[in-house]
Amino acid sequence: MPRPALLIVDLFSRFDFPDGPKLAPLALKAAKKVRQIRDVFDEEQLPVIYANENFGDWKCGFDQLAEVCRHDDGPAGDIAKLLFPGPDHYTVLKPKHSAFLATPLALLLAKLDISTLVLAGMALDSCVLATAIDANSREFSTVVVSDATACVPDRRQAALTLLRSTGGVEVRTAQVFLRSHERGKGH
């Protein structure tokens, strides 16, 4: 039976990069959808995995990174409080765009016997996109939850079009995903 995992990409951020101020409110909106999905995964005891960049700080662990964000004001703090990892969640630090590149993610997914990845996070046009393409190339069923992703508005449609054109990545809204997940229970 297919076993899904929720992969939350790069939602812990200080938004201190060029598009950060534009992305911050969009990321908070996406994080609220992510929380709905995460709650369902938690209720069903399905894996939730956070993959986040390390802000270029190679001495920082994931918990430290999340804690720094949790104490920020504005969207960074709001997102970190909303999505702070629980004790049953998994975390992976990533150095580049894809959550697979130079991380133990593939090994973790194999150990958890995962066949389907549900992706959410930011940015849709870079890190989520790269992770989705890598997941598909590794033969995972891959679903990107479109409204649980943040993206600079003028890049969103191109990223969604590219994902749909791969033929190997499904793009769904949170509502459609949750409804289809409910119908398909009993993984």
Protein backbone atom coordinates (compact mmCIF):
# COMPACT_ATOMS: atom_id res chain seq x y z
CA MET A 1 0.00 0.00 0.00
CA PRO A 2 1.30 3.50 -0.81
CA ARG A 3 2.52 5.28 2.31
CA PRO A 4 2.70 9.08 2.17
CA ALA A 5 4.89 11.56 4.00
CA LEU A 6 4.39 15.31 4.23
CA LEU A 7 7.56 17.20 3.30
CA ILE A 8 7.57 20.84 4.43
CA VAL A 9 10.25 22.78 2.57
CA ASP A 10 11.94 25.98 3.80
CA LEU A 11 9.06 27.54 5.73
CA PHE A 12 11.38 28.45 8.60
CA SER A 13 12.90 31.69 7.36
CA ARG A 14 13.89 35.13 8.56
CA PHE A 15 12.84 36.55 5.17
CA ASP A 16 16.06 38.56 5.04
CA PHE A 17 16.75 37.99 1.34
CA PRO A 18 15.76 40.15 -1.67
CA ASP A 19 12.25 38.68 -2.22
CA GLY A 20 11.78 38.00 1.50
CA PRO A 21 9.49 40.92 2.32
CA LYS A 22 7.25 39.97 -0.63
CA LEU A 23 7.25 36.28 0.29
CA ALA A 24 6.70 36.63 4.04
CA PRO A 25 2.92 37.26 4.04
CA LEU A 26 2.44 34.67 1.28
CA ALA A 27 4.43 32.13 3.30
CA LEU A 28 2.26 32.77 6.36
CA LYS A 29 -0.86 32.18 4.27
CA ALA A 30 0.65 28.94 2.90
CA ALA A 31 1.72 27.87 6.41
CA LYS A 32 -1.91 27.96 7.56
CA LYS A 33 -2.78 25.43 4.82
CA VAL A 34 0.29 23.37 5.70
CA ARG A 35 -0.89 23.22 9.30
CA GLN A 36 -4.24 21.75 8.19
CA ILE A 37 -2.44 19.04 6.25
CA ARG A 38 0.09 18.43 9.02
CA ASP A 39 -2.73 17.95 11.53
CA VAL A 40 -4.22 15.20 9.35
CA PHE A 41 -0.83 13.49 8.99
CA ASP A 42 -0.30 13.72 12.76
CA GLU A 43 -3.76 12.29 13.49
CA GLU A 44 -3.04 9.35 11.20
CA GLN A 45 0.51 8.94 12.54
CA LEU A 46 1.99 9.48 9.09
CA PRO A 47 5.48 10.96 8.77
CA VAL A 48 5.97 14.72 8.71
CA ILE A 49 9.41 15.83 7.56
CA TYR A 50 10.81 19.34 7.61
CA ALA A 51 13.58 20.12 5.11
CA ASN A 52 15.02 23.58 5.59
CA GLU A 53 18.03 25.53 4.48
CA ASN A 54 20.49 26.30 7.23
CA PHE A 55 20.78 30.06 6.55
CA GLY A 56 24.42 29.40 5.65
CA ASP A 57 25.23 28.61 9.28
CA TRP A 58 26.94 25.22 9.22
CA LYS A 59 27.12 25.12 13.03
CA CYS A 60 23.37 25.52 13.48
CA GLY A 61 21.06 22.53 13.92
CA PHE A 62 17.44 22.43 12.83
CA ASP A 63 16.07 22.99 16.34
CA GLN A 64 18.26 26.08 16.79
CA LEU A 65 17.13 27.43 13.42
CA ALA A 66 13.44 26.91 14.25
CA GLU A 67 13.93 28.47 17.69
CA VAL A 68 15.55 31.58 16.19
CA CYS A 69 12.56 32.00 13.87
CA ARG A 70 10.06 31.39 16.68
CA HIS A 71 11.42 34.43 18.53
CA ASP A 72 11.23 36.74 15.52
CA ASP A 73 8.40 39.21 15.12
CA GLY A 74 6.05 39.13 12.15
CA PRO A 75 5.57 36.28 9.69
CA ALA A 76 8.82 34.48 10.59
CA GLY A 77 7.74 34.10 14.20
CA ASP A 78 4.11 33.43 13.34
CA ILE A 79 5.06 30.62 10.95
CA ALA A 80 7.53 29.09 13.41
CA LYS A 81 4.93 29.10 16.19
CA LEU A 82 2.29 27.60 13.89
CA LEU A 83 4.53 24.87 12.46
CA PHE A 84 7.15 24.27 15.15
CA PRO A 85 8.14 20.59 14.83
CA GLY A 86 6.72 18.17 17.34
CA PRO A 87 8.62 15.29 18.94
CA ASP A 88 7.41 12.81 16.29
CA HIS A 89 8.44 14.96 13.32
CA TYR A 90 11.62 14.50 11.32
CA THR A 91 14.00 17.28 10.32
CA VAL A 92 16.64 17.58 7.61
CA LEU A 93 18.91 20.54 6.93
CA LYS A 94 19.59 21.17 3.26
CA PRO A 95 22.41 23.18 1.70
CA LYS A 96 20.80 23.88 -1.69
CA HIS A 97 17.46 24.00 -3.49
CA SER A 98 16.38 20.35 -3.56
CA ALA A 99 15.69 18.63 -0.25
CA PHE A 100 17.40 15.56 -1.77
CA LEU A 101 20.71 17.21 -2.70
CA ALA A 102 23.46 16.34 -0.18
CA THR A 103 20.95 15.35 2.55
CA PRO A 104 19.91 12.04 4.13
CA LEU A 105 16.31 12.49 2.89
CA ALA A 106 16.33 9.55 0.44
CA LEU A 107 17.66 7.23 3.13
CA LEU A 108 15.07 8.47 5.64
CA LEU A 109 12.24 7.93 3.16
CA ALA A 110 13.48 4.40 2.46
CA LYS A 111 13.66 3.61 6.19
CA LEU A 112 10.10 4.94 6.63
CA ASP A 113 8.88 2.94 3.60
CA ILE A 114 7.50 6.04 1.89
CA SER A 115 6.17 5.85 -1.66
CA THR A 116 4.29 9.16 -1.89
CA LEU A 117 5.62 12.63 -1.09
CA VAL A 118 3.25 15.49 -0.40
CA LEU A 119 5.15 18.75 -0.81
CA ALA A 120 4.42 22.14 0.68
CA GLY A 121 6.52 25.17 1.59
CA MET A 122 8.53 27.78 -0.25
CA ALA A 123 9.48 28.82 -2.71
CA LEU A 124 7.33 27.05 -5.25
CA ASP A 125 9.48 28.26 -8.14
CA SER A 126 12.79 27.10 -6.69
CA CYS A 127 13.12 24.75 -3.69
CA VAL A 128 9.69 23.11 -3.90
CA LEU A 129 10.05 22.78 -7.68
CA ALA A 130 13.56 21.27 -7.46
CA THR A 131 12.45 18.87 -4.72
CA ALA A 132 9.36 17.79 -6.69
CA ILE A 133 11.40 17.09 -9.81
CA ASP A 134 13.99 15.15 -7.78
CA ALA A 135 11.23 13.18 -6.03
CA ASN A 136 9.70 12.26 -9.37
CA SER A 137 13.08 11.20 -10.76
CA ARG A 138 13.44 8.91 -7.72
CA GLU A 139 10.05 7.36 -8.61
CA PHE A 140 8.05 8.74 -5.69
CA SER A 141 4.43 9.59 -6.34
CA THR A 142 4.62 13.32 -5.86
CA VAL A 143 1.88 15.79 -4.97
CA VAL A 144 2.50 19.52 -4.66
CA VAL A 145 -0.20 21.27 -2.65
CA SER A 146 -0.41 24.53 -4.57
CA ASP A 147 -2.04 26.74 -1.94
CA ALA A 148 0.30 25.37 0.72
CA THR A 149 3.24 26.84 -1.16
CA ALA A 150 4.56 30.38 -1.27
CA CYS A 151 5.92 32.02 -4.38
CA VAL A 152 6.49 35.51 -5.72
CA PRO A 153 3.22 36.08 -7.62
CA ASP A 154 4.71 36.73 -11.05
CA ARG A 155 6.53 33.35 -10.94
CA ARG A 156 3.72 31.17 -9.57
CA GLN A 157 1.92 30.30 -12.79
CA ALA A 158 5.11 29.37 -14.65
CA ALA A 159 6.17 27.06 -11.79
CA LEU A 160 2.75 25.38 -11.65
CA THR A 161 2.73 24.96 -15.44
CA LEU A 162 6.18 23.38 -15.34
CA LEU A 163 5.19 20.98 -12.55
CA ARG A 164 2.04 19.92 -14.39
CA SER A 165 3.97 19.45 -17.63
CA THR A 166 6.33 16.89 -16.07
CA GLY A 167 3.57 14.30 -16.12
CA GLY A 168 4.93 12.88 -12.89
CA VAL A 169 3.86 15.49 -10.37
CA GLU A 170 0.27 16.08 -9.32
CA VAL A 171 -0.72 19.60 -8.36
CA ARG A 172 -3.69 19.89 -6.01
CA THR A 173 -5.17 22.44 -3.66
CA ALA A 174 -5.24 21.64 0.05
CA GLN A 175 -8.99 21.10 -0.09
CA VAL A 176 -8.76 18.66 -3.01
CA PHE A 177 -5.79 16.87 -1.44
CA LEU A 178 -7.52 16.48 1.95
CA ARG A 179 -10.73 15.28 0.32
CA SER A 180 -8.91 12.69 -1.82
CA HIS A 181 -6.77 11.66 1.17
CA GLU A 182 -9.92 11.09 3.23
CA ARG A 183 -11.38 8.90 0.47
CA GLY A 184 -8.15 6.93 0.15
CA LYS A 185 -7.58 6.19 3.84
CA GLY A 186 -6.16 2.80 4.64
CA HIS A 187 -2.85 3.43 2.85
